[in-house]
Each structure stands twice: as structure tokens, then as C-alpha cells.
PDB file of N, CA and C in Angstrom:
ATOM      1  N   ILE A   1     -66.290 -81.156 -98.696  1.00  0.00           N
ATOM      2  CA  ILE A   1     -67.594 -80.539 -98.509  1.00  0.00           C
ATOM      3  C   ILE A   1     -67.396 -79.050 -98.271  1.00  0.00           C
ATOM      4  N   SER A   2     -68.086 -78.264 -99.071  1.00  0.00           N
ATOM      5  CA  SER A   2     -68.069 -76.815 -98.860  1.00  0.00           C
ATOM      6  C   SER A   2     -69.146 -76.453 -97.856  1.00  0.00           C
ATOM      7  N   LEU A   3     -68.804 -75.612 -96.896  1.00  0.00           N
ATOM      8  CA  LEU A   3     -69.773 -75.184 -95.897  1.00  0.00           C
ATOM      9  C   LEU A   3     -70.083 -73.715 -96.076  1.00  0.00           C
ATOM     10  N   PHE A   4     -71.338 -73.365 -95.865  1.00  0.00           N
ATOM     11  CA  PHE A   4     -71.792 -71.983 -95.963  1.00  0.00           C
ATOM     12  C   PHE A   4     -72.401 -71.578 -94.626  1.00  0.00           C
ATOM     13  N   SER A   5     -72.112 -70.403 -94.171  1.00  0.00           N
ATOM     14  CA  SER A   5     -72.733 -69.936 -92.933  1.00  0.00           C
ATOM     15  C   SER A   5     -73.759 -68.865 -93.264  1.00  0.00           C
ATOM     16  N   GLY A   6     -74.534 -68.518 -92.295  1.00  0.00           N
ATOM     17  CA  GLY A   6     -75.455 -67.410 -92.457  1.00  0.00           C
ATOM     18  C   GLY A   6     -76.814 -67.786 -92.991  1.00  0.00           C
ATOM     19  N   GLN A   7     -77.204 -69.074 -92.958  1.00  0.00           N
ATOM     20  CA  GLN A   7     -78.546 -69.432 -93.412  1.00  0.00           C
ATOM     21  C   GLN A   7     -79.541 -69.163 -92.299  1.00  0.00           C
ATOM     22  N   THR A   8     -80.546 -68.364 -92.626  1.00  0.00           N
ATOM     23  CA  THR A   8     -81.621 -68.068 -91.688  1.00  0.00           C
ATOM     24  C   THR A   8     -82.934 -68.486 -92.335  1.00  0.00           C
ATOM     25  N   VAL A   9     -83.781 -69.163 -91.570  1.00  0.00           N
ATOM     26  CA  VAL A   9     -85.064 -69.623 -92.084  1.00  0.00           C
ATOM     27  C   VAL A   9     -86.158 -69.105 -91.151  1.00  0.00           C
ATOM     28  N   LYS A  10     -87.109 -68.351 -91.736  1.00  0.00           N
ATOM     29  CA  LYS A  10     -88.202 -67.764 -90.967  1.00  0.00           C
ATOM     30  C   LYS A  10     -89.531 -68.127 -91.614  1.00  0.00           C
ATOM     31  N   VAL A  11     -90.558 -68.275 -90.776  1.00  0.00           N
ATOM     32  CA  VAL A  11     -91.914 -68.539 -91.257  1.00  0.00           C
ATOM     33  C   VAL A  11     -92.779 -67.349 -90.852  1.00  0.00           C
ATOM     34  N   TYR A  12     -93.496 -66.802 -91.840  1.00  0.00           N
ATOM     35  CA  TYR A  12     -94.383 -65.653 -91.615  1.00  0.00           C
ATOM     36  C   TYR A  12     -95.813 -66.046 -91.959  1.00  0.00           C
ATOM     37  N   ASN A  13     -96.776 -65.379 -91.319  1.00  0.00           N
ATOM     38  CA  ASN A  13     -98.155 -65.546 -91.755  1.00  0.00           C
ATOM     39  C   ASN A  13     -98.395 -64.600 -92.940  1.00  0.00           C
ATOM     40  N   VAL A  14     -99.574 -64.646 -93.532  1.00  0.00           N
ATOM     41  CA  VAL A  14     -99.831 -63.836 -94.725  1.00  0.00           C
ATOM     42  C   VAL A  14     -99.852 -62.337 -94.432  1.00  0.00           C
ATOM     43  N   ALA A  15     -99.991 -61.971 -93.160  1.00  0.00           N
ATOM     44  CA  ALA A  15     -99.917 -60.559 -92.768  1.00  0.00           C
ATOM     45  C   ALA A  15     -98.463 -60.120 -92.562  1.00  0.00           C
ATOM     46  N   ARG A  16     -97.537 -61.027 -92.873  1.00  0.00           N
ATOM     47  CA  ARG A  16     -96.081 -60.778 -92.770  1.00  0.00           C
ATOM     48  C   ARG A  16     -95.588 -60.633 -91.334  1.00  0.00           C
ATOM     49  N   HIS A  17     -96.302 -61.234 -90.387  1.00  0.00           N
ATOM     50  CA  HIS A  17     -95.837 -61.276 -89.002  1.00  0.00           C
ATOM     51  C   HIS A  17     -95.025 -62.557 -88.801  1.00  0.00           C
ATOM     52  N   LEU A  18     -93.897 -62.449 -88.142  1.00  0.00           N
ATOM     53  CA  LEU A  18     -93.050 -63.609 -87.887  1.00  0.00           C
ATOM     54  C   LEU A  18     -93.786 -64.595 -86.995  1.00  0.00           C
ATOM     55  N   VAL A  19     -93.888 -65.831 -87.467  1.00  0.00           N
ATOM     56  CA  VAL A  19     -94.555 -66.893 -86.723  1.00  0.00           C
ATOM     57  C   VAL A  19     -93.510 -67.783 -86.047  1.00  0.00           C
ATOM     58  N   ARG A  20     -92.437 -68.109 -86.778  1.00  0.00           N
ATOM     59  CA  ARG A  20     -91.433 -69.032 -86.248  1.00  0.00           C
ATOM     60  C   ARG A  20     -90.068 -68.742 -86.855  1.00  0.00           C
ATOM     61  N   LEU A  21     -89.067 -68.702 -86.009  1.00  0.00           N
ATOM     62  CA  LEU A  21     -87.679 -68.632 -86.449  1.00  0.00           C
ATOM     63  C   LEU A  21     -87.150 -70.054 -86.386  1.00  0.00           C
ATOM     64  N   LEU A  22     -86.943 -70.662 -87.557  1.00  0.00           N
ATOM     65  CA  LEU A  22     -86.508 -72.059 -87.598  1.00  0.00           C
ATOM     66  C   LEU A  22     -84.995 -72.198 -87.502  1.00  0.00           C
ATOM     67  N   ALA A  23     -84.268 -71.259 -88.045  1.00  0.00           N
ATOM     68  CA  ALA A  23     -82.802 -71.331 -88.014  1.00  0.00           C
ATOM     69  C   ALA A  23     -82.245 -69.927 -88.102  1.00  0.00           C
ATOM     70  N   TYR A  24     -81.175 -69.692 -87.358  1.00  0.00           N
ATOM     71  CA  TYR A  24     -80.512 -68.395 -87.407  1.00  0.00           C
ATOM     72  C   TYR A  24     -79.012 -68.621 -87.558  1.00  0.00           C
ATOM     73  N   ASP A  25     -78.469 -68.103 -88.642  1.00  0.00           N
ATOM     74  CA  ASP A  25     -77.030 -68.200 -88.915  1.00  0.00           C
ATOM     75  C   ASP A  25     -76.553 -69.649 -88.868  1.00  0.00           C
ATOM     76  N   ARG A  26     -77.339 -70.528 -89.448  1.00  0.00           N
ATOM     77  CA  ARG A  26     -77.065 -71.966 -89.466  1.00  0.00           C
ATOM     78  C   ARG A  26     -76.031 -72.288 -90.542  1.00  0.00           C
ATOM     79  N   ILE A  27     -75.068 -73.119 -90.204  1.00  0.00           N
ATOM     80  CA  ILE A  27     -74.067 -73.546 -91.176  1.00  0.00           C
ATOM     81  C   ILE A  27     -74.631 -74.727 -91.951  1.00  0.00           C
ATOM     82  N   VAL A  28     -74.559 -74.642 -93.282  1.00  0.00           N
ATOM     83  CA  VAL A  28     -75.078 -75.705 -94.143  1.00  0.00           C
ATOM     84  C   VAL A  28     -74.025 -76.086 -95.167  1.00  0.00           C
ATOM     85  N   SER A  29     -74.161 -77.283 -95.728  1.00  0.00           N
ATOM     86  CA  SER A  29     -73.250 -77.726 -96.779  1.00  0.00           C
ATOM     87  C   SER A  29     -73.835 -77.406 -98.142  1.00  0.00           C
ATOM     88  N   GLN A  30     -72.990 -77.421 -99.135  1.00  0.00           N
ATOM     89  CA  GLN A  30     -73.418 -77.157-100.505  1.00  0.00           C
ATOM     90  C   GLN A  30     -74.373 -78.255-100.947  1.00  0.00           C
ATOM     91  N   GLY A  31     -75.341 -77.910-101.781  1.00  0.00           N
ATOM     92  CA  GLY A  31     -76.301 -78.879-102.276  1.00  0.00           C
ATOM     93  C   GLY A  31     -77.615 -78.786-101.535  1.00  0.00           C
ATOM     94  N   SER A  32     -78.386 -79.846-101.593  1.00  0.00           N
ATOM     95  CA  SER A  32     -79.705 -79.868-100.961  1.00  0.00           C
ATOM     96  C   SER A  32     -79.581 -80.013 -99.451  1.00  0.00           C
ATOM     97  N   ASN A  33     -80.412 -79.270 -98.752  1.00  0.00           N
ATOM     98  CA  ASN A  33     -80.493 -79.349 -97.299  1.00  0.00           C
ATOM     99  C   ASN A  33     -81.963 -79.367 -96.920  1.00  0.00           C
ATOM    100  N   ALA A  34     -82.283 -79.997 -95.824  1.00  0.00           N
ATOM    101  CA  ALA A  34     -83.670 -80.065 -95.365  1.00  0.00           C
ATOM    102  C   ALA A  34     -83.758 -79.578 -93.927  1.00  0.00           C
ATOM    103  N   LEU A  35     -84.869 -78.941 -93.629  1.00  0.00           N
ATOM    104  CA  LEU A  35     -85.146 -78.469 -92.278  1.00  0.00           C
ATOM    105  C   LEU A  35     -86.634 -78.665 -92.038  1.00  0.00           C
ATOM    106  N   ALA A  36     -86.976 -79.415 -91.024  1.00  0.00           N
ATOM    107  CA  ALA A  36     -88.389 -79.715 -90.750  1.00  0.00           C
ATOM    108  C   ALA A  36     -89.009 -78.624 -89.881  1.00  0.00           C
ATOM    109  N   TRP A  37     -90.288 -78.346 -90.155  1.00  0.00           N
ATOM    110  CA  TRP A  37     -91.081 -77.444 -89.324  1.00  0.00           C
ATOM    111  C   TRP A  37     -92.262 -78.242 -88.797  1.00  0.00           C
ATOM    112  N   ASN A  38     -92.456 -78.247 -87.502  1.00  0.00           N
ATOM    113  CA  ASN A  38     -93.514 -79.040 -86.886  1.00  0.00           C
ATOM    114  C   ASN A  38     -94.870 -78.330 -86.849  1.00  0.00           C
ATOM    115  N   GLY A  39     -94.972 -77.186 -87.501  1.00  0.00           N
ATOM    116  CA  GLY A  39     -96.246 -76.471 -87.566  1.00  0.00           C
ATOM    117  C   GLY A  39     -96.559 -75.677 -86.310  1.00  0.00           C
ATOM    118  N   LYS A  40     -95.522 -75.433 -85.492  1.00  0.00           N
ATOM    119  CA  LYS A  40     -95.735 -74.670 -84.264  1.00  0.00           C
ATOM    120  C   LYS A  40     -95.069 -73.306 -84.377  1.00  0.00           C
ATOM    121  N   ASP A  41     -95.609 -72.353 -83.622  1.00  0.00           N
ATOM    122  CA  ASP A  41     -95.052 -71.005 -83.628  1.00  0.00           C
ATOM    123  C   ASP A  41     -93.947 -70.877 -82.578  1.00  0.00           C
ATOM    124  N   ASN A  42     -93.435 -69.672 -82.401  1.00  0.00           N
ATOM    125  CA  ASN A  42     -92.350 -69.453 -81.443  1.00  0.00           C
ATOM    126  C   ASN A  42     -92.773 -69.687 -79.995  1.00  0.00           C
ATOM    127  N   ASP A  43     -94.094 -69.724 -79.731  1.00  0.00           N
ATOM    128  CA  ASP A  43     -94.606 -70.007 -78.387  1.00  0.00           C
ATOM    129  C   ASP A  43     -94.965 -71.480 -78.221  1.00  0.00           C
ATOM    130  N   ASN A  44     -94.563 -72.304 -79.199  1.00  0.00           N
ATOM    131  CA  ASN A  44     -94.808 -73.748 -79.200  1.00  0.00           C
ATOM    132  C   ASN A  44     -96.286 -74.104 -79.330  1.00  0.00           C
ATOM    133  N   GLN A  45     -97.070 -73.206 -79.936  1.00  0.00           N
ATOM    134  CA  GLN A  45     -98.496 -73.451 -80.193  1.00  0.00           C
ATOM    135  C   GLN A  45     -98.674 -73.840 -81.657  1.00  0.00           C
ATOM    136  N   ILE A  46     -99.575 -74.762 -81.929  1.00  0.00           N
ATOM    137  CA  ILE A  46     -99.845 -75.165 -83.305  1.00  0.00           C
ATOM    138  C   ILE A  46    -100.484 -73.995 -84.045  1.00  0.00           C
ATOM    139  N   VAL A  47     -99.973 -73.714 -85.249  1.00  0.00           N
ATOM    140  CA  VAL A  47    -100.488 -72.586 -86.019  1.00  0.00           C
ATOM    141  C   VAL A  47    -101.840 -72.930 -86.635  1.00  0.00           C
ATOM    142  N   SER A  48    -102.575 -71.913 -87.010  1.00  0.00           N
ATOM    143  CA  SER A  48    -103.885 -72.077 -87.639  1.00  0.00           C
ATOM    144  C   SER A  48    -103.743 -72.583 -89.068  1.00  0.00           C
ATOM    145  N   THR A  49    -104.794 -73.213 -89.559  1.00  0.00           N
ATOM    146  CA  THR A  49    -104.848 -73.620 -90.954  1.00  0.00           C
ATOM    147  C   THR A  49    -104.732 -72.387 -91.834  1.00  0.00           C
ATOM    148  N   GLY A  50    -103.955 -72.499 -92.906  1.00  0.00           N
ATOM    149  CA  GLY A  50    -103.822 -71.388 -93.836  1.00  0.00           C
ATOM    150  C   GLY A  50    -102.488 -71.374 -94.532  1.00  0.00           C
ATOM    151  N   ALA A  51    -102.225 -70.278 -95.213  1.00  0.00           N
ATOM    152  CA  ALA A  51    -100.989 -70.111 -95.974  1.00  0.00           C
ATOM    153  C   ALA A  51     -99.933 -69.420 -95.112  1.00  0.00           C
ATOM    154  N   TYR A  52     -98.693 -69.849 -95.291  1.00  0.00           N
ATOM    155  CA  TYR A  52     -97.555 -69.271 -94.584  1.00  0.00           C
ATOM    156  C   TYR A  52     -96.426 -69.065 -95.579  1.00  0.00           C
ATOM    157  N   ILE A  53     -95.590 -68.096 -95.298  1.00  0.00           N
ATOM    158  CA  ILE A  53     -94.466 -67.775 -96.169  1.00  0.00           C
ATOM    159  C   ILE A  53     -93.188 -68.222 -95.477  1.00  0.00           C
ATOM    160  N   VAL A  54     -92.414 -69.066 -96.148  1.00  0.00           N
ATOM    161  CA  VAL A  54     -91.125 -69.508 -95.629  1.00  0.00           C
ATOM    162  C   VAL A  54     -90.051 -68.723 -96.360  1.00  0.00           C
ATOM    163  N   ALA A  55     -89.225 -68.008 -95.611  1.00  0.00           N
ATOM    164  CA  ALA A  55     -88.155 -67.194 -96.179  1.00  0.00           C
ATOM    165  C   ALA A  55     -86.813 -67.785 -95.767  1.00  0.00           C
ATOM    166  N   VAL A  56     -86.004 -68.132 -96.768  1.00  0.00           N
ATOM    167  CA  VAL A  56     -84.668 -68.679 -96.534  1.00  0.00           C
ATOM    168  C   VAL A  56     -83.658 -67.646 -97.014  1.00  0.00           C
ATOM    169  N   THR A  57     -82.776 -67.233 -96.108  1.00  0.00           N
ATOM    170  CA  THR A  57     -81.755 -66.247 -96.432  1.00  0.00           C
ATOM    171  C   THR A  57     -80.385 -66.879 -96.269  1.00  0.00           C
ATOM    172  N   VAL A  58     -79.566 -66.748 -97.308  1.00  0.00           N
ATOM    173  CA  VAL A  58     -78.172 -67.173 -97.257  1.00  0.00           C
ATOM    174  C   VAL A  58     -77.356 -65.982 -97.731  1.00  0.00           C
ATOM    175  N   GLY A  59     -76.528 -65.471 -96.840  1.00  0.00           N
ATOM    176  CA  GLY A  59     -75.780 -64.264 -97.178  1.00  0.00           C
ATOM    177  C   GLY A  59     -76.749 -63.111 -97.381  1.00  0.00           C
ATOM    178  N   ASP A  60     -76.662 -62.487 -98.559  1.00  0.00           N
ATOM    179  CA  ASP A  60     -77.558 -61.359 -98.837  1.00  0.00           C
ATOM    180  C   ASP A  60     -78.700 -61.740 -99.782  1.00  0.00           C
ATOM    181  N   ARG A  61     -78.890 -63.042-100.011  1.00  0.00           N
ATOM    182  CA  ARG A  61     -79.927 -63.520-100.926  1.00  0.00           C
ATOM    183  C   ARG A  61     -81.055 -64.196-100.140  1.00  0.00           C
ATOM    184  N   THR A  62     -82.297 -63.790-100.410  1.00  0.00           N
ATOM    185  CA  THR A  62     -83.468 -64.383 -99.757  1.00  0.00           C
ATOM    186  C   THR A  62     -84.415 -64.940-100.811  1.00  0.00           C
ATOM    187  N   GLU A  63     -84.894 -66.151-100.571  1.00  0.00           N
ATOM    188  CA  GLU A  63     -85.914 -66.749-101.427  1.00  0.00           C
ATOM    189  C   GLU A  63     -87.099 -67.111-100.548  1.00  0.00           C
ATOM    190  N   THR A  64     -88.298 -66.946-101.094  1.00  0.00           N
ATOM    191  CA  THR A  64     -89.506 -67.237-100.333  1.00  0.00           C
ATOM    192  C   THR A  64     -90.377 -68.240-101.096  1.00  0.00           C
ATOM    193  N   LYS A  65     -91.114 -69.014-100.329  1.00  0.00           N
ATOM    194  CA  LYS A  65     -92.098 -69.947-100.879  1.00  0.00           C
ATOM    195  C   LYS A  65     -93.321 -69.896 -99.975  1.00  0.00           C
ATOM    196  N   VAL A  66     -94.482 -70.087-100.561  1.00  0.00           N
ATOM    197  CA  VAL A  66     -95.721 -70.154 -99.796  1.00  0.00           C
ATOM    198  C   VAL A  66     -96.040 -71.635 -99.557  1.00  0.00           C
ATOM    199  N   VAL A  67     -96.357 -71.942 -98.302  1.00  0.00           N
ATOM    200  CA  VAL A  67     -96.745 -73.316 -97.934  1.00  0.00           C
ATOM    201  C   VAL A  67     -98.128 -73.263 -97.306  1.00  0.00           C
ATOM    202  N   SER A  68     -98.823 -74.374 -97.364  1.00  0.00           N
ATOM    203  CA  SER A  68    -100.148 -74.463 -96.763  1.00  0.00           C
ATOM    204  C   SER A  68    -100.106 -75.386 -95.562  1.00  0.00           C
ATOM    205  N   VAL A  69    -100.787 -74.961 -94.509  1.00  0.00           N
ATOM    206  CA  VAL A  69    -100.945 -75.795 -93.321  1.00  0.00           C
ATOM    207  C   VAL A  69    -102.414 -76.147 -93.221  1.00  0.00           C
ATOM    208  N   CYS A  70    -102.691 -77.438 -93.091  1.00  0.00           N
ATOM    209  CA  CYS A  70    -104.069 -77.907 -93.013  1.00  0.00           C
ATOM    210  C   CYS A  70    -104.308 -78.583 -91.677  1.00  0.00           C
ATOM    211  N   ASP A  71    -105.471 -78.325 -91.089  1.00  0.00           N
ATOM    212  CA  ASP A  71    -105.858 -78.978 -89.848  1.00  0.00           C
ATOM    213  C   ASP A  71    -106.177 -80.429 -90.155  1.00  0.00           C
ATOM    214  N   ARG A  72    -105.644 -81.309 -89.363  1.00  0.00           N
ATOM    215  CA  ARG A  72    -105.867 -82.740 -89.609  1.00  0.00           C
ATOM    216  C   ARG A  72    -107.144 -83.146 -88.990  1.00  0.00           C
TER     217      ARG A  72
END
């Protein structure tokens, strides 16, 4: 198993303010990896309904995806 270090996962609101730091310098293995987000911010409060940007950084490469959070 090849291991990679330096994976950081952050969640931002659409105004680009950091909502949650999910992982910092996390070691991951090659291939698919999963990390769950419980929909809470860094203060452990449930975030508002809307769009959020998830940014995953490994080394010097960052990829972003937009996710939607819906009130149940």
C-alpha cells in the first residue's frame, strides 16, 4: 500500500469563508478514500441549507466540488 501525506479537506460557504476543517495533513492510501462530514461547522453547529464548496488538497494540488446541504 502506498501512503500519501498532506491531504487537507476544508468546507467553505459560497462567500468563501471557512466553515469546517475536516482533515489537516491526513495520511491516506492510494486509490479511493472517503471522509464523512456531519453537516456541522467548526463550532459544532449545524450549517444552513445551501451550497458549500469542499476543497481537497494533496501536496500542491487542490480540487474543489460544490455540495448541497438540505434541511431535513
